[in-house]
N, C-alpha and C. Protein backbone atom coordinates (compact mmCIF):
# COMPACT_ATOMS: atom_id res chain seq x y z
N MET A 1 -231.45 156.26 -5.82
CA MET A 1 -231.50 153.91 -5.91
C MET A 1 -229.69 153.60 -6.09
N ARG A 2 -229.16 154.50 -6.56
CA ARG A 2 -227.87 153.65 -7.19
C ARG A 2 -226.88 153.35 -5.47
N SER A 3 -227.27 154.07 -4.62
CA SER A 3 -226.12 154.17 -3.19
C SER A 3 -226.83 152.69 -2.56
N MET A 4 -227.61 153.08 -2.81
CA MET A 4 -228.59 151.79 -1.83
C MET A 4 -227.95 150.73 -2.38
N MET A 5 -227.97 149.83 -3.89
CA MET A 5 -228.06 148.36 -4.43
C MET A 5 -226.19 148.63 -4.05
N ALA A 6 -225.17 149.65 -3.67
CA ALA A 6 -224.25 149.84 -3.91
C ALA A 6 -224.09 149.24 -2.33
N PHE A 7 -224.31 149.39 -2.07
CA PHE A 7 -224.41 149.88 0.07
C PHE A 7 -224.50 147.99 0.10
N ALA A 8 -226.31 147.78 -0.52
CA ALA A 8 -226.51 145.83 -0.15
C ALA A 8 -225.46 145.09 -0.53
N ALA A 9 -224.99 145.43 -1.73
CA ALA A 9 -224.15 144.09 -2.64
C ALA A 9 -222.35 144.38 -1.33
N LEU A 10 -222.00 146.06 -0.72
CA LEU A 10 -221.13 145.83 -0.05
C LEU A 10 -221.37 145.56 1.36
N LEU A 11 -222.24 145.70 1.68
CA LEU A 11 -222.85 144.06 3.28
C LEU A 11 -222.67 142.99 3.22
N LEU A 12 -223.05 142.68 1.57
CA LEU A 12 -223.62 140.70 1.06
C LEU A 12 -221.77 140.65 1.31
N THR A 13 -221.30 141.02 0.43
CA THR A 13 -219.43 140.64 0.18
C THR A 13 -219.54 141.42 1.81
N MET A 14 -219.26 141.80 2.58
CA MET A 14 -218.72 141.70 4.53
C MET A 14 -219.74 140.45 5.04
N THR A 15 -220.18 140.00 4.58
CA THR A 15 -220.94 139.23 5.81
C THR A 15 -220.22 137.72 4.69
N ALA A 16 -219.85 137.70 3.86
CA ALA A 16 -219.57 136.75 3.44
C ALA A 16 -218.11 136.50 3.58
N CYS A 17 -217.17 136.91 3.77
CA CYS A 17 -216.27 137.31 4.73
C CYS A 17 -216.07 136.88 5.85
N THR A 18 -216.97 136.94 6.88
CA THR A 18 -216.91 136.43 8.45
C THR A 18 -217.82 135.85 8.11
N GLN A 19 -217.97 134.74 7.77
CA GLN A 19 -217.96 133.08 7.76
C GLN A 19 -217.00 132.28 8.24
N VAL A 20 -217.23 131.88 9.77
CA VAL A 20 -216.29 131.26 9.99
C VAL A 20 -216.05 129.75 9.91
N PRO A 21 -215.79 128.71 9.26
CA PRO A 21 -215.49 127.84 8.90
C PRO A 21 -215.99 126.36 9.95
N GLN A 22 -216.71 125.71 9.61
CA GLN A 22 -217.34 124.74 10.35
C GLN A 22 -216.39 123.70 10.99
N TRP A 23 -215.39 123.32 9.81
CA TRP A 23 -214.79 121.57 9.59
C TRP A 23 -213.20 122.54 9.03
N THR A 24 -212.44 121.80 9.47
CA THR A 24 -210.84 121.50 9.72
C THR A 24 -210.97 119.83 9.16
N LEU A 25 -209.91 120.03 7.68
CA LEU A 25 -208.93 119.19 7.39
C LEU A 25 -207.85 118.86 7.90
N PHE A 26 -207.88 118.01 8.76
CA PHE A 26 -205.98 117.65 8.63
C PHE A 26 -205.96 116.12 7.95
N TYR A 27 -205.19 116.62 7.03
CA TYR A 27 -204.46 115.15 6.60
C TYR A 27 -203.08 115.07 6.47
N TYR A 28 -203.06 113.51 6.46
CA TYR A 28 -201.36 113.13 6.93
C TYR A 28 -200.82 112.29 6.46
N PRO A 29 -200.51 112.74 5.09
CA PRO A 29 -200.06 112.20 3.81
C PRO A 29 -199.25 110.51 3.97
N ASP A 30 -198.06 111.01 5.00
CA ASP A 30 -197.29 109.79 5.18
C ASP A 30 -197.62 108.78 6.40
N ALA A 31 -198.97 108.82 6.54
CA ALA A 31 -199.59 107.31 7.88
C ALA A 31 -199.22 106.17 6.87
N ALA A 32 -199.11 105.37 7.71
CA ALA A 32 -198.58 103.95 7.18
C ALA A 32 -200.06 102.83 7.14
N PRO A 33 -200.23 102.70 6.31
CA PRO A 33 -201.82 101.26 5.95
C PRO A 33 -201.86 101.02 7.43
N GLY A 34 -203.53 101.36 7.09
CA GLY A 34 -203.87 100.62 8.75
C GLY A 34 -203.93 101.61 9.12
N GLU A 35 -203.09 102.66 9.16
CA GLU A 35 -202.57 104.09 10.46
C GLU A 35 -204.07 104.67 10.90
N SER A 36 -204.36 104.97 11.79
CA SER A 36 -205.81 106.04 11.58
C SER A 36 -205.23 107.05 12.00
N ALA A 37 -205.95 108.11 11.48
CA ALA A 37 -206.01 109.42 11.55
C ALA A 37 -206.14 110.24 12.80
N GLU A 38 -206.86 108.98 13.66
CA GLU A 38 -207.09 108.97 15.21
C GLU A 38 -206.00 109.12 15.91
N VAL A 39 -205.39 107.86 16.00
CA VAL A 39 -203.97 107.69 16.02
C VAL A 39 -202.66 108.38 16.28
N LEU A 40 -203.14 109.44 14.64
CA LEU A 40 -202.40 110.22 14.45
C LEU A 40 -202.20 111.56 15.06
N ALA A 41 -203.28 111.81 15.12
CA ALA A 41 -203.40 113.39 15.84
C ALA A 41 -203.82 112.73 16.82
N SER A 42 -203.23 112.23 17.83
CA SER A 42 -203.40 111.90 19.40
C SER A 42 -201.31 111.50 19.86
N GLN A 43 -200.61 111.67 18.36
CA GLN A 43 -199.21 111.65 19.09
C GLN A 43 -199.16 112.62 18.28
N GLY A 44 -199.62 114.11 17.81
CA GLY A 44 -199.00 114.99 17.45
C GLY A 44 -199.55 116.17 17.14
N GLU A 45 -199.48 117.51 17.17
CA GLU A 45 -200.15 118.53 16.86
C GLU A 45 -201.24 118.83 15.99
N LEU A 46 -201.93 119.02 16.13
CA LEU A 46 -202.93 118.93 14.60
C LEU A 46 -202.67 119.72 13.67
N ASP A 47 -201.88 121.02 14.45
CA ASP A 47 -201.88 122.54 13.61
C ASP A 47 -201.20 122.15 12.30
N GLN A 48 -199.96 121.26 12.84
CA GLN A 48 -198.62 120.66 11.36
C GLN A 48 -199.29 120.45 10.10
N HIS A 49 -200.82 119.72 10.33
CA HIS A 49 -201.66 118.60 9.70
C HIS A 49 -203.51 119.26 8.54
N ILE A 50 -202.95 120.28 8.92
CA ILE A 50 -204.85 121.31 8.48
C ILE A 50 -204.26 121.50 6.54
N SER A 51 -205.01 120.92 6.44
CA SER A 51 -205.24 121.22 4.78
C SER A 51 -206.21 121.56 4.41
N GLY A 52 -206.84 122.60 4.92
CA GLY A 52 -208.39 123.21 3.78
C GLY A 52 -209.85 123.19 5.57
N TYR A 53 -210.53 123.94 4.87
CA TYR A 53 -211.97 124.61 6.09
C TYR A 53 -212.87 124.46 5.11
N TYR A 54 -213.55 123.89 5.71
CA TYR A 54 -215.23 123.41 5.02
C TYR A 54 -216.45 124.12 6.13
N GLN A 55 -217.67 124.11 5.27
CA GLN A 55 -218.98 124.65 5.47
C GLN A 55 -219.24 123.76 5.99
N GLN A 56 -219.76 122.10 5.48
CA GLN A 56 -220.02 121.47 6.30
C GLN A 56 -218.84 120.02 5.76
N LEU A 57 -219.46 118.97 6.85
CA LEU A 57 -218.34 117.71 7.25
C LEU A 57 -218.48 116.45 5.30
N ASP A 58 -219.48 116.24 5.11
CA ASP A 58 -219.67 115.82 3.26
C ASP A 58 -218.34 116.65 2.71
N GLN A 59 -218.12 118.16 2.52
CA GLN A 59 -217.71 118.62 2.05
C GLN A 59 -215.62 118.07 2.38
N CYS A 60 -216.01 118.32 3.50
CA CYS A 60 -214.23 118.48 4.27
C CYS A 60 -214.40 116.49 4.14
N LEU A 61 -214.87 115.40 4.34
CA LEU A 61 -214.77 114.39 3.78
C LEU A 61 -214.69 113.77 2.74
N ALA A 62 -214.73 114.23 1.69
CA ALA A 62 -214.98 114.42 0.19
C ALA A 62 -213.62 114.55 0.05
N LYS A 63 -213.50 116.09 0.19
CA LYS A 63 -211.36 116.27 0.18
C LYS A 63 -210.42 115.82 0.37
N GLY A 64 -210.47 114.66 1.90
CA GLY A 64 -210.03 114.12 2.56
C GLY A 64 -209.84 112.66 1.48
N ALA A 65 -210.29 112.45 1.15
CA ALA A 65 -210.79 111.39 0.82
C ALA A 65 -210.08 111.08 -0.86
N GLY A 66 -210.53 112.47 -1.29
CA GLY A 66 -209.76 112.49 -2.45
C GLY A 66 -208.16 113.01 -2.86
N MET A 67 -208.26 113.67 -1.95
CA MET A 67 -206.20 113.90 -1.26
C MET A 67 -205.92 112.16 -1.26
N VAL A 68 -206.92 111.44 -0.81
CA VAL A 68 -205.93 110.19 -0.12
C VAL A 68 -205.96 108.84 -1.82
N LYS A 69 -206.45 109.58 -2.35
CA LYS A 69 -206.52 109.20 -3.63
C LYS A 69 -206.02 108.93 -4.84
N LEU A 70 -205.34 110.78 -4.37
CA LEU A 70 -204.75 111.10 -5.42
C LEU A 70 -203.17 111.04 -5.21
N SER A 71 -203.30 111.11 -4.11
CA SER A 71 -201.55 110.54 -3.73
C SER A 71 -200.65 109.99 -4.26
N GLN A 72 -199.36 110.51 -4.24
CA GLN A 72 -198.54 108.94 -5.42
C GLN A 72 -198.36 107.91 -4.70
N THR A 73 -198.79 107.92 -3.32
CA THR A 73 -198.39 106.36 -2.94
C THR A 73 -199.53 105.98 -2.66
N GLY A 74 -201.22 106.19 -2.57
CA GLY A 74 -202.11 105.55 -2.61
C GLY A 74 -202.53 105.67 -0.86
N SER A 75 -201.66 106.13 -0.21
CA SER A 75 -201.70 105.72 0.70
C SER A 75 -201.64 106.62 1.66
N GLY A 76 -202.95 107.19 3.27
CA GLY A 76 -202.34 108.44 3.91
C GLY A 76 -203.60 108.24 4.30
N SER A 77 -203.82 109.28 5.35
CA SER A 77 -205.36 109.15 6.56
C SER A 77 -205.05 110.73 6.68
N TYR A 78 -207.24 110.79 7.17
CA TYR A 78 -207.24 112.50 7.01
C TYR A 78 -208.43 112.31 8.35
N LEU A 79 -208.98 113.41 8.93
CA LEU A 79 -209.83 114.04 9.91
C LEU A 79 -210.03 115.06 9.42
N CYS A 80 -211.36 115.02 9.80
CA CYS A 80 -212.55 116.36 9.59
C CYS A 80 -212.65 117.12 11.15
N GLY A 81 -212.59 118.46 11.48
CA GLY A 81 -212.26 118.48 13.15
C GLY A 81 -213.44 119.38 12.82
N GLU A 82 -214.72 119.38 14.19
CA GLU A 82 -215.59 120.57 13.92
C GLU A 82 -215.04 122.00 14.49
N LEU A 83 -215.34 122.75 14.72
CA LEU A 83 -215.15 124.20 15.18
C LEU A 83 -213.54 124.12 16.31
N CYS A 84 -212.86 123.74 15.57
CA CYS A 84 -211.59 124.19 16.05
C CYS A 84 -210.88 125.26 16.32
N GLN A 85 -210.67 125.60 17.59
CA GLN A 85 -210.23 126.37 17.91
C GLN A 85 -208.72 125.98 18.87
N ARG A 86 -208.03 127.28 19.14
CA ARG A 86 -206.82 127.00 20.64
C ARG A 86 -207.66 127.52 21.75
N ASN A 87 -207.09 126.22 22.53
CA ASN A 87 -207.10 126.44 23.91
C ASN A 87 -206.34 127.04 24.61
N GLU A 88 -206.20 128.03 25.99
CA GLU A 88 -205.38 128.22 26.56
C GLU A 88 -203.99 128.48 26.86
N ALA A 89 -204.24 126.82 26.87
CA ALA A 89 -202.09 126.36 26.53
C ALA A 89 -201.33 126.33 25.24
N GLY A 90 -202.19 126.66 24.07
CA GLY A 90 -202.05 127.41 22.83
C GLY A 90 -202.59 126.25 21.74
N ALA A 91 -202.36 125.17 22.24
CA ALA A 91 -202.73 123.98 21.44
C ALA A 91 -204.39 124.00 20.51
N LEU A 92 -204.29 123.53 19.61
CA LEU A 92 -205.25 123.67 19.01
C LEU A 92 -206.55 122.02 19.41
N LYS A 93 -207.32 121.92 19.70
CA LYS A 93 -208.51 121.21 20.12
C LYS A 93 -209.79 122.16 19.13
N CYS A 94 -210.73 120.32 18.63
CA CYS A 94 -211.50 120.31 17.89
C CYS A 94 -212.82 119.50 19.19
N GLN A 95 -214.09 120.28 19.04
CA GLN A 95 -215.18 119.98 19.66
C GLN A 95 -215.36 118.48 19.76
N ARG A 96 -215.33 117.92 17.76
CA ARG A 96 -215.68 116.36 17.54
C ARG A 96 -214.36 116.00 16.74
N LEU A 97 -214.62 114.85 16.05
CA LEU A 97 -213.52 114.71 14.61
C LEU A 97 -213.81 113.66 13.67
N GLU A 98 -214.01 113.84 12.57
CA GLU A 98 -214.64 112.49 12.34
C GLU A 98 -213.76 112.79 10.84
N THR A 99 -214.21 110.99 10.70
CA THR A 99 -213.36 110.33 9.49
C THR A 99 -214.33 108.94 8.62
N LEU A 100 -214.33 108.46 7.32
CA LEU A 100 -215.34 107.67 7.09
C LEU A 100 -214.80 106.38 7.33
N ALA A 101 -216.14 105.81 8.02
CA ALA A 101 -216.00 104.42 8.52
C ALA A 101 -215.39 103.36 8.01
N SER A 102 -215.14 104.17 6.60
CA SER A 102 -214.40 103.10 5.49
C SER A 102 -212.51 102.92 5.43
N GLN A 103 -212.42 104.03 5.87
CA GLN A 103 -210.81 104.76 6.19
C GLN A 103 -209.44 103.63 6.25
């Protein structure tokens, strides 16, 4: 009985470690006021601005908004990318990018 419980615990631990985060937070702390993260993302490498990984979009958006709010300058911009992966050329590409409309 004890070995079955240990096996179950091990199995649960292993599956929790293999979950791939669905959303990636891209944060641009030096964005000028009014400069959108979409424009910034099109100008440079996304992977230089990764600030975290999240399972749900609302978690990613909340973290990005919090980072902007807590920044020393009060400025910055962020995007959340869904299912981001490297393409054949090595560039990071996401299926879609989201941000809060009020940003």
